[in-house]
Protein backbone atom coordinates (compact mmCIF):
# COMPACT_ATOMS: atom_id res chain seq x y z
CA MET A 1 130.29 74.34 -26.36
CA LYS A 2 126.84 75.23 -25.11
CA VAL A 3 123.59 74.17 -27.51
CA PHE A 4 122.61 77.43 -28.02
CA ASP A 5 126.10 78.32 -29.60
CA LEU A 6 125.29 75.34 -32.31
CA THR A 7 124.79 77.70 -35.52
CA SER A 8 123.90 76.19 -38.84
CA ASP A 9 127.38 77.09 -40.41
CA VAL A 10 128.93 74.95 -37.19
CA ILE A 11 126.83 72.25 -38.08
CA LYS A 12 127.68 72.44 -41.40
CA LYS A 13 131.82 72.41 -40.70
CA HIS A 14 131.61 69.11 -38.49
CA ASN A 15 129.86 65.50 -38.96
CA ILE A 16 131.09 64.12 -35.52
CA PHE A 17 129.18 65.30 -32.45
CA PHE A 18 129.32 63.99 -28.51
CA LEU A 19 126.14 65.46 -27.09
CA TYR A 20 125.71 65.68 -23.19
CA GLU A 21 122.23 65.20 -22.61
CA HIS A 22 121.21 66.83 -19.78
CA ASP A 23 117.51 67.40 -21.12
CA SER A 24 115.80 64.85 -23.57
CA CYS A 25 113.64 67.38 -24.74
CA ILE A 26 116.79 69.75 -25.88
CA SER A 27 118.76 66.86 -26.85
CA ASP A 28 116.10 65.85 -29.46
CA HIS A 29 115.51 69.15 -30.56
CA CYS A 30 119.74 69.38 -30.96
CA MET A 31 119.74 66.13 -32.88
CA HIS A 32 117.68 67.22 -35.21
CA GLU A 33 118.79 70.63 -36.10
CA ILE A 34 122.19 69.06 -37.02
CA LYS A 35 120.05 66.07 -38.96
CA VAL A 36 118.15 69.32 -40.71
CA ASN A 37 121.65 71.16 -41.14
CA SER A 38 123.63 68.53 -42.44
CA GLU A 39 120.84 67.78 -45.12
CA ILE A 40 120.55 63.98 -44.51
CA LYS A 41 117.14 62.83 -45.64
CA ASN A 42 117.80 59.10 -45.04
CA LEU A 43 116.83 57.33 -42.10
CA SER A 44 118.67 57.33 -38.65
CA ILE A 45 120.81 54.33 -37.35
CA GLU A 46 121.39 53.57 -33.63
CA ILE A 47 124.50 51.54 -33.13
CA ASN A 48 124.46 49.43 -29.77
CA GLU A 49 126.96 50.54 -27.37
CA ILE A 50 128.12 47.24 -26.47
CA SER A 51 129.21 46.23 -30.42
CA PHE A 52 129.82 50.08 -31.51
CA GLU A 53 133.46 48.06 -32.57
CA GLU A 54 131.85 46.27 -34.91
CA GLU A 55 129.04 47.87 -35.91
CA LEU A 56 130.77 51.25 -36.61
CA SER A 57 133.44 50.18 -38.91
CA GLN A 58 130.74 50.08 -42.04
CA TYR A 59 130.03 53.18 -41.91
CA LEU A 60 133.57 54.54 -41.64
CA SER A 61 133.65 54.74 -45.12
CA SER A 62 131.47 55.91 -48.00
CA ASP A 63 128.41 54.26 -49.06
CA LEU A 64 128.80 52.78 -52.47
CA PHE A 65 125.70 54.07 -53.52
CA GLY A 66 126.55 57.74 -52.31
CA GLU A 67 123.93 57.72 -49.47
CA ARG A 68 124.54 59.50 -46.39
CA TYR A 69 123.30 58.10 -42.83
CA LEU A 70 122.63 60.07 -39.30
CA ILE A 71 124.49 57.28 -36.71
CA LYS A 72 123.68 57.80 -33.08
CA ILE A 73 125.01 55.78 -30.26
CA ASN A 74 123.54 56.25 -26.92
CA ILE A 75 126.66 55.90 -24.32
CA LYS A 76 126.30 54.55 -20.76
CA ASN A 77 129.57 53.66 -20.08
CA ALA A 78 131.65 57.11 -20.51
CA LYS A 79 134.73 55.41 -20.40
CA ASN A 80 133.80 53.51 -24.07
CA ILE A 81 133.93 57.66 -25.35
CA PRO A 82 137.69 57.64 -26.14
CA LYS A 83 137.89 54.29 -27.63
CA ILE A 84 134.48 55.47 -30.10
CA ASN A 85 136.03 58.85 -30.39
CA ALA A 86 139.38 56.66 -31.77
CA SER A 87 137.19 54.61 -34.05
CA LEU A 88 135.69 57.93 -35.71
CA LYS A 89 139.22 59.34 -36.74
CA GLN A 90 139.38 56.74 -38.98
CA ASN A 91 136.17 58.12 -40.83
CA SER A 92 136.42 58.89 -44.34
CA SER A 93 132.89 58.65 -44.99
CA ASP A 94 130.11 61.58 -45.58
CA ASN A 95 128.11 60.15 -42.72
CA VAL A 96 127.04 61.95 -39.46
CA PHE A 97 128.00 60.89 -36.32
CA ILE A 98 126.06 61.57 -32.85
CA ILE A 99 127.36 60.30 -29.71
CA LYS A 100 125.26 60.87 -26.52
CA TYR A 101 126.16 59.98 -23.05
CA SER A 102 124.62 61.48 -19.78
CA LYS A 103 127.42 61.27 -17.19
CA LYS A 104 129.71 64.85 -17.14
CA ASP A 105 133.12 64.71 -16.42
CA LYS A 106 134.16 61.56 -16.63
CA PHE A 107 136.76 61.92 -19.22
CA ASP A 108 139.07 64.80 -20.66
CA ILE A 109 136.98 66.37 -22.93
CA GLU A 110 139.71 68.64 -24.10
CA GLY A 111 142.25 65.07 -24.67
CA LEU A 112 139.85 64.08 -27.49
CA ASP A 113 139.64 67.08 -29.86
CA SER A 114 136.17 66.95 -30.65
CA LEU A 115 132.91 69.16 -30.65
CA PHE A 116 131.07 68.30 -27.54
CA ILE A 117 127.88 69.61 -27.34
CA ASP A 118 126.32 70.31 -23.55
CA THR A 119 122.76 70.45 -23.37
CA GLU A 120 122.82 71.58 -19.89
CA ILE A 121 121.16 75.25 -19.17
CA LYS A 122 121.84 77.29 -16.03
CA GLU A 123 119.92 79.70 -14.66
CA PHE A 124 121.76 82.78 -16.15
CA GLU A 125 122.00 80.90 -19.50
CA LYS A 126 117.95 80.68 -19.98
CA ASN A 127 117.62 83.89 -22.05
CA ASN A 128 120.18 82.60 -24.50
CA TYR A 129 118.47 79.62 -25.33
CA LEU A 130 115.25 80.99 -26.04
CA THR A 131 117.22 83.37 -28.36
CA TYR A 132 118.64 80.40 -29.49
CA LEU A 133 115.24 78.44 -30.31
CA ILE A 134 113.47 81.75 -31.66
CA ARG A 135 116.16 81.59 -34.45
CA SER A 136 115.76 77.87 -34.73
CA TYR A 137 112.29 77.95 -35.51
CA ARG A 138 112.35 81.10 -37.78
CA ILE A 139 109.85 83.37 -36.06
CA ASP A 140 109.54 86.58 -34.96
CA LEU A 141 108.50 87.66 -31.21
CA THR A 142 107.97 90.66 -29.74
CA SER A 143 109.32 91.95 -26.24
CA ASP A 144 105.98 90.85 -24.84
CA GLU A 145 105.84 87.52 -26.39
CA ILE A 146 109.12 86.49 -25.23
CA ASN A 147 108.67 87.82 -21.53
CA SER A 148 105.05 85.83 -21.24
CA ILE A 149 106.64 82.86 -22.85
CA GLU A 150 109.37 82.87 -20.49
CA VAL A 151 107.01 83.07 -17.28
CA ALA A 152 104.80 80.67 -18.93
CA THR A 153 107.21 77.55 -19.26
CA SER A 154 109.73 78.26 -15.96
CA ASN A 155 112.03 75.96 -16.08
CA ASN A 156 109.97 73.47 -18.38
CA TYR A 157 111.75 73.12 -21.79
CA LEU A 158 109.29 71.06 -23.42
CA ALA A 159 106.41 73.38 -23.33
CA LEU A 160 108.89 75.91 -24.07
CA HIS A 161 109.73 73.83 -27.26
CA ASN A 162 106.15 72.99 -28.04
CA ILE A 163 104.86 76.79 -27.35
CA LEU A 164 107.33 78.26 -30.30
CA LYS A 165 106.23 75.20 -32.30
CA LEU A 166 102.38 76.91 -32.50
CA LYS A 167 103.97 80.11 -32.61
CA THR A 168 105.68 78.61 -35.92
CA LEU A 169 102.37 77.30 -37.29
CA TYR A 170 99.73 80.51 -36.45
CA SER A 171 100.86 82.73 -38.80
CA LYS A 172 99.00 83.89 -41.61
CA ASN A 173 102.39 85.19 -43.72
CA ASN A 174 102.49 81.28 -45.08
CA ILE A 175 98.82 81.82 -47.25
CA GLU A 176 98.91 83.03 -50.66
CA ASN A 177 95.57 82.98 -52.96
CA GLU A 178 94.49 80.11 -50.49
CA SER A 179 97.64 78.01 -52.20
CA SER A 180 98.17 76.54 -48.07
CA TYR A 181 96.66 76.88 -45.36
CA GLU A 182 98.37 77.16 -41.67
CA GLY A 183 97.78 73.93 -38.86
CA PHE A 184 94.89 75.65 -36.80
CA ASP A 185 92.84 76.21 -40.40
CA ILE A 186 93.01 72.75 -40.52
CA ILE A 187 92.15 72.11 -37.37
CA ALA A 188 88.40 74.84 -37.62
CA SER A 189 88.12 72.97 -41.52
CA ILE A 190 87.14 69.05 -39.32
CA PHE A 191 84.59 70.61 -37.48
CA LYS A 192 83.46 73.94 -39.43
CA ASP A 193 83.85 72.53 -43.25
CA LYS A 194 81.53 70.53 -45.41
CA GLN A 195 83.37 67.30 -46.39
CA GLU A 196 84.21 68.62 -49.98
CA VAL A 197 85.91 71.45 -48.59
CA PHE A 198 88.06 69.82 -45.90
CA ILE A 199 89.16 67.17 -48.47
CA ASN A 200 90.70 69.96 -50.59
CA LYS A 201 91.73 71.82 -47.61
CA VAL A 202 93.85 69.29 -46.07
CA GLU A 203 95.10 68.14 -49.97
CA LYS A 204 96.57 71.36 -50.73
CA PHE A 205 97.88 71.58 -46.61
CA LEU A 206 99.31 68.10 -47.16
CA GLN A 207 101.15 69.39 -50.22
CA SER A 208 102.91 72.05 -48.77
CA LEU A 209 103.48 70.62 -45.86
CA ASN A 210 107.62 70.94 -45.52
CA ASP A 211 107.65 69.35 -41.87
CA PRO A 212 105.54 66.96 -40.64
CA ILE A 213 107.01 67.31 -37.39
CA GLN A 214 105.45 71.21 -36.14
CA PHE A 215 102.30 70.36 -37.35
CA ASN A 216 102.02 66.51 -35.57
CA SER A 217 103.10 68.69 -32.27
CA LEU A 218 99.95 70.75 -32.96
CA LEU A 219 97.70 67.83 -33.44
CA PHE A 220 99.29 66.29 -30.30
CA TRP A 221 98.83 69.35 -27.89
CA PHE A 222 95.12 69.61 -29.77
CA PHE A 223 93.95 65.62 -29.09
CA LYS A 224 95.89 65.44 -25.58
CA SER A 225 93.95 67.87 -24.88
CA VAL A 226 90.78 66.86 -25.80
CA TYR A 227 91.85 63.61 -24.02
CA ARG A 228 92.38 65.00 -20.69
CA HIS A 229 88.65 67.00 -21.02
CA LYS A 230 87.46 63.80 -21.92
CA ASN A 231 88.40 62.25 -18.96
CA ASP A 232 87.72 65.59 -16.95
CA SER A 233 84.77 67.12 -18.63
CA GLY A 234 84.50 69.76 -15.59
CA ILE A 235 88.67 70.63 -16.41
CA ASN A 236 89.16 74.56 -16.88
CA LEU A 237 90.17 74.49 -20.53
CA LYS A 238 92.55 78.01 -20.38
CA ASN A 239 94.97 75.73 -18.00
CA LEU A 240 94.83 73.42 -21.28
CA ARG A 241 95.49 77.20 -23.12
CA LEU A 242 92.62 76.53 -25.15
CA PHE A 243 90.65 79.86 -26.21
CA GLY A 244 87.71 80.98 -28.52
CA ASP A 245 87.14 78.32 -31.06
CA LEU A 246 90.18 75.97 -29.76
CA SER A 247 87.99 75.59 -26.79
CA LYS A 248 84.51 74.93 -28.59
CA PHE A 249 86.29 71.95 -30.82
CA CYS A 250 87.79 70.56 -27.96
CA GLN A 251 84.30 70.40 -26.44
CA ALA A 252 82.63 69.00 -29.60
CA ALA A 253 85.76 66.31 -30.03
CA SER A 254 85.16 65.59 -26.63
CA SER A 255 81.44 64.60 -27.19
CA LYS A 256 81.73 62.47 -30.19
CA MET A 257 85.34 60.85 -29.58
CA SER A 258 85.15 57.94 -27.24
CA LEU A 259 88.73 57.59 -25.26
CA LYS A 260 89.64 54.44 -26.27
CA LEU A 261 89.84 56.56 -30.29
CA LEU A 262 91.42 59.66 -28.64
CA GLU A 263 93.92 57.31 -27.40
CA ASN A 264 94.26 55.74 -30.77
CA ILE A 265 94.83 59.10 -32.35
CA ILE A 266 97.27 59.41 -30.10
CA GLN A 267 99.48 56.55 -30.32
CA LYS A 268 99.13 57.38 -34.21
CA ILE A 269 100.64 61.01 -33.77
CA HIS A 270 103.62 59.24 -31.73
CA LEU A 271 104.09 56.87 -35.42
CA VAL A 272 104.03 59.82 -37.09
CA ASP A 273 106.53 61.58 -35.22
CA LYS A 274 108.51 58.82 -35.45
CA ILE A 275 108.35 58.19 -39.30
CA SER A 276 109.56 62.07 -39.15
CA LYS A 277 112.33 61.35 -37.36
CA GLY A 278 113.67 58.63 -39.57
CA GLN A 279 112.50 55.41 -38.42
CA TYR A 280 109.85 53.19 -40.03
CA ILE A 281 111.02 54.20 -43.83
CA ASP A 282 108.18 51.99 -45.74
CA LEU A 283 105.66 54.77 -43.93
CA ASP A 284 104.79 58.28 -45.19
CA ALA A 285 104.27 60.82 -42.15
CA LYS A 286 102.03 62.71 -44.32
CA LEU A 287 99.75 59.89 -45.41
CA GLU A 288 99.27 59.11 -41.43
CA ILE A 289 98.56 62.19 -40.88
CA LYS A 290 95.56 62.26 -43.21
CA LYS A 291 94.69 58.95 -41.68
CA ILE A 292 94.32 61.05 -38.34
CA LEU A 293 92.22 64.39 -40.03
CA GLN A 294 89.80 61.62 -42.06
CA ILE A 295 89.06 59.62 -39.12
CA SER A 296 88.57 63.17 -36.61
CA PHE A 297 86.53 64.96 -39.78
CA LEU A 298 84.30 61.25 -39.45
CA LYS A 299 83.76 60.83 -36.22
CA THR A 300 83.23 64.72 -35.02
CA ARG A 301 80.31 64.62 -37.94
CA ASN A 302 78.83 60.72 -37.06
CA GLY A 303 80.01 60.20 -33.54
């Protein structure tokens, strides 16, 4: 099955997925979709390929406390896939298993009778994948916008994902009676609002934030641009895809923040990404985002 055919209905009918990783960005999004549509709230568990038989056995039967897990196995030796497939046939749990591999056509897929997902997107399939992503991110785009995105991203799937994530955050439809704010409003508040207003907006925004990954992607895009501007103040801001107020905010942050601070912020953003994907279960993604916003506010005002 091609990745763009992986609908919510298909995901809910399966709990074992073999994922051919041709592009890590596409694979990561696919795994995120599987976790979300399978409604798994717990952290993901990674199993070592070398000791998979011993480690896997404990997840093949139902958890005593009714917990469900997303189990990931990264495969380097394709010869292990039939063995893992045979072990998973004994599964009686509600856990979801993703077996990721990067060597294709090294075994008989048809003979294994399992769901295999192909993340390789050929030239003539790009439009199918873009349509799939637009549906996945639940956004409405005009034909002109879609054509513009196709031209701007070319074969860069990471750029494609990031642009669509930004589109999900740039919608005024989510704002009702100022009960919630969009991601761009929060970045603007860092530079424009008084501290009391800023704190109030951040609190309301985080309360209504259902998916930290999307807003975190916006933070990464913005602060990565600030970092690049700090390294080279002569860089063309249009090359960073910054226009209007965002270009002014980038310049303001660049003038007030040190390279070391920007590196720490980007590192913290990477931490939020890991927390949101199930790692570091003792940490709160929203709290870490709040720390990023607070330090940004203080430094842009006081230097």
